[in-house]
Amino acid sequence: MSQISISDLFENKQEKLELTWVAGLTAKNKLLSHDRIVQSNQGLIGHLNFIHPNWIQVLSRNEVDYINNLDTQSLNKKLDALKQSNLACIIIAGNENAPGPMRQLANATHTPLLSSPFPSIEVIWLLRSYLGRVLAPSCCLHGVLLDVLGMGVMITGESGVGKSELALELISRGHGLVADDVVELRRIAPETLEGRCPPILRDYLEVRGLGMLNIRTIFGETAVRRHKNMKLIVHLQNTTSTEAYQLERLPISNLNETIMSVDIPKVIIPVAAGRNLAVLVEAAVRNYVLQLRGIDGTKDFIERHEQEMANLPENHDE
């Protein structure tokens, strides 16, 4: 489950936003999780909102003035509404002083109250982007993720089929390694999966007979990538000669694999002696780029063939 504690949020963004912990010091382990946010139908972060409360409530000068000018009865009513919401954190932005009632609320409900000198809109922009990635739905897949011609390509297949050897060949041809063996995927947008490498495996590629290769050390900084959006899956398939002939030569419909409700185009390449798999992967990526532009070689060929058949003179029986 994707989650982050307020203390981790504070430590990761303290320097960037010059955060200060004002009140609610006992709530450092309070958690923000993807599942809780989705189930609650609340906003993740935004300016102070009592009608549709956010998990992280940000107060600028306008919100601080509003709180300070409320009469006692109205203020208590508003604070009670905040107490009943799934409040995870309060941030006072723009070097404003935290109102006394908000400090009392933070200490009474064990809610972190932070302060930043940056404008509220900048605080919201930065944290929304950061939390959107940290709290995105995630999963791990077995394979090798590469940057091929600027496109994130996931190479999959059974163990021992030659994924790492193919990856090494592609890297030697100038492409980049993102992750080998274990690929961490996060759904950072409705139709976007971002792939990363677990920290312990970063920069390494395991090749049978050679062991663990440090790709950054061997090929240089340009041979590795920290992350890449996955756009294409290339599946290596061990096939006998009979099975190879049974594969569709001119597939009309494109294959897709659904991962976390996102459809990713998929290409199946039979593995056989003498085939240059690196060239085939590069060709698959170039063909996919053309398809994105509306150019489909297979469909164009079939249409040309049908046109030629239609233009043939009809044979009449005498």
Protein backbone atom coordinates (compact mmCIF):
# COMPACT_ATOMS: atom_id res chain seq x y z
CA MET A 1 0.00 0.00 0.00
CA SER A 2 1.42 3.43 -0.99
CA GLN A 3 1.74 5.61 2.07
CA ILE A 4 3.90 8.25 3.72
CA SER A 5 4.14 9.59 7.25
CA ILE A 6 4.00 13.32 7.99
CA SER A 7 7.47 13.09 9.54
CA ASP A 8 8.84 11.68 6.24
CA LEU A 9 7.03 14.42 4.32
CA PHE A 10 8.57 17.01 6.65
CA GLU A 11 12.09 15.60 6.31
CA ASN A 12 11.91 15.25 2.51
CA LYS A 13 10.60 18.78 1.90
CA GLN A 14 11.99 20.67 4.91
CA GLU A 15 14.89 22.17 2.96
CA LYS A 16 12.90 22.86 -0.21
CA LEU A 17 10.02 24.63 1.56
CA GLU A 18 11.91 25.74 4.69
CA LEU A 19 9.34 23.94 6.82
CA THR A 20 9.06 24.49 10.57
CA TRP A 21 7.14 22.22 12.95
CA VAL A 22 4.95 24.60 14.97
CA ALA A 23 2.56 22.35 16.94
CA GLY A 24 1.25 18.80 17.13
CA LEU A 25 4.72 17.38 17.73
CA THR A 26 3.28 14.10 19.03
CA ALA A 27 1.80 13.23 15.62
CA LYS A 28 4.97 12.65 13.62
CA ASN A 29 3.89 9.14 12.56
CA LYS A 30 0.48 10.19 11.24
CA LEU A 31 0.04 8.51 7.85
CA LEU A 32 -1.23 9.54 4.45
CA SER A 33 -2.16 6.50 2.35
CA HIS A 34 -3.56 6.12 -1.15
CA ASP A 35 -6.35 3.76 -0.06
CA ARG A 36 -7.62 6.03 2.72
CA ILE A 37 -7.61 9.09 0.47
CA VAL A 38 -9.51 7.31 -2.32
CA GLN A 39 -12.08 5.84 0.06
CA SER A 40 -12.74 9.17 1.81
CA ASN A 41 -13.40 11.18 -1.39
CA GLN A 42 -11.55 14.11 0.20
CA GLY A 43 -9.10 16.40 -1.54
CA LEU A 44 -5.43 15.67 -1.04
CA ILE A 45 -4.17 19.21 -0.46
CA GLY A 46 -5.57 22.71 -0.90
CA HIS A 47 -6.52 25.94 0.81
CA LEU A 48 -8.57 25.74 4.00
CA ASN A 49 -11.93 24.20 3.11
CA PHE A 50 -14.67 23.33 5.59
CA ILE A 51 -17.26 22.10 3.10
CA HIS A 52 -14.98 19.67 1.24
CA PRO A 53 -12.07 19.30 3.69
CA ASN A 54 -8.61 18.40 2.41
CA TRP A 55 -6.26 15.94 4.03
CA ILE A 56 -3.66 18.71 4.13
CA GLN A 57 -5.19 22.11 4.84
CA VAL A 58 -3.09 25.09 3.74
CA LEU A 59 -3.68 28.54 5.26
CA SER A 60 -2.54 31.71 3.49
CA ARG A 61 -3.10 35.30 4.72
CA ASN A 62 -6.75 35.19 3.61
CA GLU A 63 -7.50 32.03 5.62
CA VAL A 64 -5.59 33.27 8.67
CA ASP A 65 -7.50 36.58 8.61
CA TYR A 66 -10.76 34.67 8.23
CA ILE A 67 -10.01 32.53 11.31
CA ASN A 68 -8.89 35.53 13.38
CA ASN A 69 -12.06 37.53 12.55
CA LEU A 70 -14.58 34.80 13.43
CA ASP A 71 -16.68 35.23 16.55
CA THR A 72 -16.29 32.62 19.26
CA GLN A 73 -19.40 30.63 18.38
CA SER A 74 -18.62 30.48 14.66
CA LEU A 75 -14.97 29.68 15.36
CA ASN A 76 -15.86 26.75 17.60
CA LYS A 77 -18.26 25.43 14.98
CA LYS A 78 -15.57 25.60 12.29
CA LEU A 79 -12.98 23.94 14.53
CA ASP A 80 -15.40 21.13 15.37
CA ALA A 81 -15.86 20.53 11.64
CA LEU A 82 -12.09 20.26 11.25
CA LYS A 83 -11.85 17.82 14.16
CA GLN A 84 -14.41 15.53 12.54
CA SER A 85 -12.65 15.50 9.17
CA ASN A 86 -9.81 13.13 8.33
CA LEU A 87 -7.29 15.91 8.82
CA ALA A 88 -3.68 14.78 8.41
CA CYS A 89 -1.76 18.03 8.51
CA ILE A 90 -2.09 21.84 8.60
CA ILE A 91 0.39 24.14 6.87
CA ILE A 92 0.59 27.90 7.48
CA ALA A 93 2.10 29.50 4.37
CA GLY A 94 3.61 32.89 3.55
CA ASN A 95 5.29 33.58 6.91
CA GLU A 96 1.91 34.08 8.56
CA ASN A 97 1.59 33.54 12.29
CA ALA A 98 -0.42 30.46 13.21
CA PRO A 99 -3.68 31.51 14.93
CA GLY A 100 -3.85 30.46 18.59
CA PRO A 101 -7.00 28.34 18.06
CA MET A 102 -5.24 26.38 15.28
CA ARG A 103 -2.30 25.66 17.61
CA GLN A 104 -4.70 24.43 20.28
CA LEU A 105 -6.54 22.29 17.72
CA ALA A 106 -3.27 20.75 16.52
CA ASN A 107 -2.13 19.83 20.03
CA ALA A 108 -5.57 18.59 21.13
CA THR A 109 -6.15 16.38 18.07
CA HIS A 110 -2.50 15.35 17.60
CA THR A 111 -2.42 16.96 14.15
CA PRO A 112 0.90 18.25 12.78
CA LEU A 113 0.94 22.03 12.28
CA LEU A 114 3.73 23.17 9.96
CA SER A 115 4.84 26.57 8.72
CA SER A 116 6.52 27.68 5.47
CA PRO A 117 7.63 31.15 4.27
CA PHE A 118 6.70 30.24 0.67
CA PRO A 119 3.39 31.42 -0.87
CA SER A 120 0.51 29.01 -0.35
CA ILE A 121 0.03 28.29 -4.05
CA GLU A 122 3.69 27.27 -4.37
CA VAL A 123 3.42 25.01 -1.33
CA ILE A 124 0.34 23.34 -2.83
CA TRP A 125 1.91 22.90 -6.28
CA LEU A 126 5.09 21.34 -4.94
CA LEU A 127 3.46 19.01 -2.41
CA ARG A 128 0.67 17.93 -4.77
CA SER A 129 3.22 16.85 -7.37
CA TYR A 130 5.37 15.12 -4.76
CA LEU A 131 2.50 13.31 -3.03
CA GLY A 132 0.95 12.38 -6.37
CA ARG A 133 4.03 10.27 -7.09
CA VAL A 134 4.60 8.93 -3.58
CA LEU A 135 0.97 7.88 -3.06
CA ALA A 136 0.36 6.59 -6.60
CA PRO A 137 -0.85 2.96 -6.91
CA SER A 138 2.17 0.73 -7.39
CA CYS A 139 3.26 -2.80 -8.20
CA CYS A 140 6.43 -4.72 -9.04
CA LEU A 141 6.99 -6.73 -12.23
CA HIS A 142 9.74 -9.10 -13.33
CA GLY A 143 11.64 -7.90 -16.38
CA VAL A 144 14.05 -5.27 -17.65
CA LEU A 145 13.01 -1.65 -18.21
CA LEU A 146 15.05 0.30 -20.76
CA ASP A 147 15.06 3.67 -22.47
CA VAL A 148 15.14 2.75 -26.16
CA LEU A 149 15.15 5.69 -28.58
CA GLY A 150 13.55 7.84 -25.88
CA MET A 151 10.75 5.31 -25.25
CA GLY A 152 10.29 3.30 -22.05
CA VAL A 153 10.40 -0.37 -23.10
CA MET A 154 9.78 -3.29 -20.74
CA ILE A 155 11.39 -6.58 -21.80
CA THR A 156 9.61 -9.60 -20.34
CA GLY A 157 9.85 -13.35 -20.72
CA GLU A 158 10.54 -16.55 -18.87
CA SER A 159 13.65 -16.90 -16.74
CA GLY A 160 16.67 -17.72 -18.87
CA VAL A 161 15.15 -16.51 -22.15
CA GLY A 162 17.86 -13.85 -22.53
CA LYS A 163 16.31 -10.61 -21.23
CA SER A 164 19.47 -9.34 -19.54
CA GLU A 165 21.71 -10.29 -22.47
CA LEU A 166 19.38 -8.39 -24.81
CA ALA A 167 19.40 -5.43 -22.41
CA LEU A 168 23.23 -5.46 -22.38
CA GLU A 169 23.29 -5.45 -26.19
CA LEU A 170 20.86 -2.51 -26.31
CA ILE A 171 22.90 -0.59 -23.73
CA SER A 172 26.06 -1.16 -25.80
CA ARG A 173 24.16 0.35 -28.76
CA GLY A 174 23.59 3.59 -26.82
CA HIS A 175 20.29 2.96 -25.04
CA GLY A 176 19.75 3.34 -21.27
CA LEU A 177 19.02 1.01 -18.35
CA VAL A 178 16.30 1.86 -15.85
CA ALA A 179 15.83 -1.38 -13.90
CA ASP A 180 16.79 -5.02 -14.15
CA ASP A 181 14.94 -8.02 -12.70
CA VAL A 182 12.56 -6.03 -10.45
CA VAL A 183 10.75 -3.02 -11.92
CA GLU A 184 8.74 -0.77 -9.61
CA LEU A 185 5.75 0.73 -11.43
CA ARG A 186 3.63 3.64 -10.23
CA ARG A 187 0.45 4.87 -11.88
CA ILE A 188 1.23 8.59 -11.74
CA ALA A 189 -1.60 9.55 -14.13
CA PRO A 190 -4.74 7.82 -15.48
CA GLU A 191 -2.86 6.51 -18.55
CA THR A 192 0.76 6.70 -17.36
CA LEU A 193 2.93 4.11 -15.61
CA GLU A 194 6.31 5.30 -14.36
CA GLY A 195 8.99 2.68 -13.88
CA ARG A 196 11.83 2.88 -11.37
CA CYS A 197 14.50 0.61 -9.96
CA PRO A 198 14.60 -0.46 -6.30
CA PRO A 199 17.49 1.41 -4.62
CA ILE A 200 19.40 -1.79 -3.83
CA LEU A 201 19.50 -2.79 -7.56
CA ARG A 202 20.10 0.65 -9.03
CA ASP A 203 22.73 0.74 -11.85
CA TYR A 204 23.17 -3.06 -11.81
CA LEU A 205 22.44 -5.63 -14.51
CA GLU A 206 22.75 -9.36 -13.74
CA VAL A 207 24.06 -11.44 -16.66
CA ARG A 208 24.50 -15.20 -16.40
CA GLY A 209 28.19 -16.07 -16.47
CA LEU A 210 29.30 -12.50 -15.74
CA GLY A 211 27.48 -11.78 -12.50
CA MET A 212 26.41 -8.28 -11.45
CA LEU A 213 27.56 -5.57 -13.84
CA ASN A 214 27.62 -1.92 -12.74
CA ILE A 215 26.32 -0.32 -15.92
CA ARG A 216 27.04 3.23 -14.75
CA THR A 217 30.69 2.36 -14.09
CA ILE A 218 31.19 0.37 -17.31
CA PHE A 219 29.31 2.53 -19.83
CA GLY A 220 29.13 5.91 -18.08
CA GLU A 221 26.45 8.23 -16.72
CA THR A 222 24.46 8.35 -19.96
CA ALA A 223 23.82 4.58 -19.86
CA VAL A 224 21.40 4.71 -16.90
CA ARG A 225 18.10 6.45 -16.16
CA ARG A 226 16.50 7.10 -12.78
CA HIS A 227 12.97 6.60 -14.12
CA LYS A 228 11.04 6.26 -17.36
CA ASN A 229 7.38 6.08 -18.35
CA MET A 230 6.62 2.61 -19.71
CA LYS A 231 5.11 2.81 -23.20
CA LEU A 232 5.78 -0.59 -24.77
CA ILE A 233 6.20 -4.21 -23.65
CA VAL A 234 8.43 -6.54 -25.67
CA HIS A 235 7.83 -10.15 -24.67
CA LEU A 236 10.51 -12.70 -25.57
CA GLN A 237 8.94 -16.07 -26.27
CA ASN A 238 10.78 -19.37 -26.49
CA THR A 239 9.25 -21.24 -29.41
CA THR A 240 9.92 -24.43 -31.32
CA SER A 241 10.08 -24.29 -35.10
CA THR A 242 6.47 -25.54 -35.28
CA GLU A 243 5.22 -22.89 -32.83
CA ALA A 244 7.08 -20.16 -34.71
CA TYR A 245 5.22 -20.99 -37.91
CA GLN A 246 1.91 -20.84 -36.04
CA LEU A 247 2.45 -17.21 -35.00
CA GLU A 248 0.39 -14.71 -36.96
CA ARG A 249 2.56 -13.19 -39.70
CA LEU A 250 0.36 -10.14 -40.31
CA PRO A 251 -1.44 -9.30 -37.05
CA ILE A 252 -4.30 -6.93 -37.80
CA SER A 253 -5.16 -6.06 -34.20
CA ASN A 254 -2.50 -4.82 -31.80
CA LEU A 255 -1.84 -6.66 -28.55
CA ASN A 256 -2.19 -4.93 -25.19
CA GLU A 257 -1.37 -5.89 -21.62
CA THR A 258 -3.36 -4.28 -18.81
CA ILE A 259 -1.35 -3.21 -15.75
CA MET A 260 -3.13 -1.33 -12.96
CA SER A 261 -6.00 -0.55 -15.38
CA VAL A 262 -3.61 0.95 -17.96
CA ASP A 263 -3.39 -0.70 -21.40
CA ILE A 264 0.21 -0.99 -22.59
CA PRO A 265 0.95 -2.03 -26.22
CA LYS A 266 2.72 -5.39 -26.41
CA VAL A 267 4.90 -7.05 -29.03
CA ILE A 268 5.81 -10.76 -28.96
CA ILE A 269 9.19 -11.65 -30.46
CA PRO A 270 10.02 -15.36 -30.92
CA VAL A 271 13.52 -16.22 -29.70
CA ALA A 272 15.55 -18.36 -32.09
CA ALA A 273 19.19 -18.86 -32.99
CA GLY A 274 20.54 -16.26 -35.39
CA ARG A 275 17.90 -13.59 -34.71
CA ASN A 276 19.24 -10.12 -33.92
CA LEU A 277 16.89 -9.27 -31.06
CA ALA A 278 18.39 -5.83 -30.42
CA VAL A 279 17.62 -4.74 -33.97
CA LEU A 280 14.13 -6.20 -33.69
CA VAL A 281 13.45 -4.27 -30.47
CA GLU A 282 14.63 -1.02 -32.06
CA ALA A 283 12.40 -1.73 -35.07
CA ALA A 284 9.44 -2.44 -32.75
CA VAL A 285 9.95 0.92 -31.03
CA ARG A 286 10.24 2.80 -34.33
CA ASN A 287 7.11 1.05 -35.62
CA TYR A 288 5.22 1.97 -32.43
CA VAL A 289 6.23 5.63 -32.84
CA LEU A 290 4.88 5.54 -36.40
CA GLN A 291 1.61 4.02 -35.15
CA LEU A 292 1.27 6.90 -32.71
CA ARG A 293 1.45 9.18 -35.74
CA GLY A 294 -1.24 7.19 -37.52
CA ILE A 295 1.07 5.18 -39.76
CA ASP A 296 0.51 1.41 -39.57
CA GLY A 297 2.66 -0.58 -42.00
CA THR A 298 0.64 -3.81 -41.69
CA LYS A 299 -2.69 -2.12 -42.35
CA ASP A 300 -1.24 -0.09 -45.21
CA PHE A 301 0.10 -3.27 -46.83
CA ILE A 302 -3.22 -5.11 -46.45
CA GLU A 303 -5.08 -2.14 -47.97
CA ARG A 304 -2.61 -2.06 -50.88
CA HIS A 305 -3.07 -5.80 -51.40
CA GLU A 306 -6.88 -5.49 -51.38
CA GLN A 307 -6.67 -2.61 -53.85
CA GLU A 308 -4.52 -4.68 -56.22
CA MET A 309 -6.95 -7.60 -55.96
CA ALA A 310 -9.85 -5.29 -56.76
CA ASN A 311 -8.07 -3.98 -59.85
CA LEU A 312 -7.41 -7.44 -61.33
CA PRO A 313 -9.51 -8.21 -64.48
CA GLU A 314 -12.33 -10.61 -63.77
CA ASN A 315 -12.04 -14.12 -65.21
CA HIS A 316 -15.07 -15.27 -67.18
CA ASP A 317 -15.77 -18.86 -68.01
CA GLU A 318 -16.24 -19.44 -71.74
